[in-house]
């Protein structure tokens, strides 16, 4: 599996993340099902893991509040949950 990962694409992704960290915007993650758990895990690791840095990453997983996601979906429709 690791041999199938493009080092060039991975380096590009890391560059985008580091650029965001330097500029200061929030990085948002999102997923569905198991990918939602992965997005939350990634957001926690990168945000908490860098909180002692001079410029920590600012990361939020849009999947982290299931109560809000489900009430919006139930009351207004799931197509409206991230508006």
Protein backbone atom coordinates (compact mmCIF):
# COMPACT_ATOMS: atom_id res chain seq x y z
CA UNK A 1 0.00 0.00 0.00
CA UNK A 2 2.74 2.44 0.89
CA UNK A 3 4.42 1.94 -2.49
CA UNK A 4 1.24 3.26 -4.14
CA UNK A 5 1.42 6.61 -2.33
CA UNK A 6 2.78 9.39 -4.50
CA UNK A 7 5.57 11.12 -2.62
CA UNK A 8 5.07 14.18 -4.84
CA UNK A 9 1.34 14.41 -4.00
CA UNK A 10 2.01 13.84 -0.30
CA UNK A 11 4.66 16.58 -0.32
CA UNK A 12 2.15 18.88 -2.03
CA UNK A 13 -0.46 18.17 0.64
CA UNK A 14 2.06 18.87 3.40
CA UNK A 15 3.02 22.11 1.67
CA UNK A 16 -0.63 23.21 1.53
CA UNK A 17 -1.09 22.44 5.24
CA UNK A 18 2.10 24.26 6.24
CA UNK A 19 1.12 27.24 4.10
CA UNK A 20 -2.22 27.42 5.88
CA UNK A 21 -0.49 27.20 9.25
CA UNK A 22 1.77 30.11 8.31
CA UNK A 23 -1.12 32.28 7.04
CA UNK A 24 -3.42 31.41 9.95
CA UNK A 25 -6.72 30.29 8.40
CA UNK A 26 -8.71 27.38 9.78
CA UNK A 27 -8.31 24.02 8.03
CA UNK A 28 -11.64 22.20 7.82
CA UNK A 29 -11.99 18.44 7.56
CA UNK A 30 -15.07 16.48 6.63
CA UNK A 31 -16.01 12.87 6.02
CA UNK A 32 -18.90 10.44 5.97
CA UNK A 33 -19.09 7.27 8.03
CA UNK A 34 -15.61 5.96 8.82
CA UNK A 35 -14.11 8.93 6.99
CA UNK A 36 -15.85 11.23 9.50
CA UNK A 37 -13.97 9.46 12.28
CA UNK A 38 -10.75 9.84 10.29
CA UNK A 39 -11.41 13.58 9.81
CA UNK A 40 -12.01 14.03 13.54
CA UNK A 41 -8.93 12.02 14.44
CA UNK A 42 -6.75 14.00 12.01
CA UNK A 43 -8.11 17.33 13.27
CA UNK A 44 -7.45 16.38 16.89
CA UNK A 45 -3.96 15.09 16.22
CA UNK A 46 -2.79 18.06 14.18
CA UNK A 47 -4.41 20.73 16.39
CA UNK A 48 -3.47 19.28 19.78
CA UNK A 49 -0.10 18.02 18.57
CA UNK A 50 0.99 21.51 17.55
CA UNK A 51 -0.58 23.65 20.28
CA UNK A 52 2.81 24.34 21.86
CA UNK A 53 4.27 25.64 18.58
CA UNK A 54 4.60 29.37 17.90
CA UNK A 55 2.06 28.95 15.10
CA UNK A 56 -0.12 25.92 15.81
CA UNK A 57 -2.45 24.51 13.18
CA UNK A 58 -6.04 25.73 13.42
CA UNK A 59 -8.12 22.68 12.47
CA UNK A 60 -11.79 21.80 12.86
CA UNK A 61 -13.60 18.65 11.78
CA UNK A 62 -17.08 19.51 10.54
CA UNK A 63 -18.16 16.03 11.66
CA UNK A 64 -17.57 16.55 15.37
CA UNK A 65 -20.99 17.62 16.60
CA UNK A 66 -23.32 14.78 15.70
CA UNK A 67 -26.20 16.26 17.70
CA UNK A 68 -26.18 19.44 15.60
CA UNK A 69 -25.64 17.55 12.34
CA UNK A 70 -28.58 15.23 13.00
CA UNK A 71 -30.99 17.91 14.25
CA UNK A 72 -30.32 20.09 11.19
CA UNK A 73 -30.75 17.05 8.96
CA UNK A 74 -33.94 16.05 10.75
CA UNK A 75 -35.49 19.53 10.90
CA UNK A 76 -34.24 21.14 7.70
CA UNK A 77 -32.92 18.31 5.51
CA UNK A 78 -29.50 16.73 5.35
CA UNK A 79 -28.65 18.73 2.25
CA UNK A 80 -28.62 21.83 4.50
CA UNK A 81 -26.35 20.61 7.30
CA UNK A 82 -23.20 22.46 6.20
CA UNK A 83 -24.74 25.71 4.94
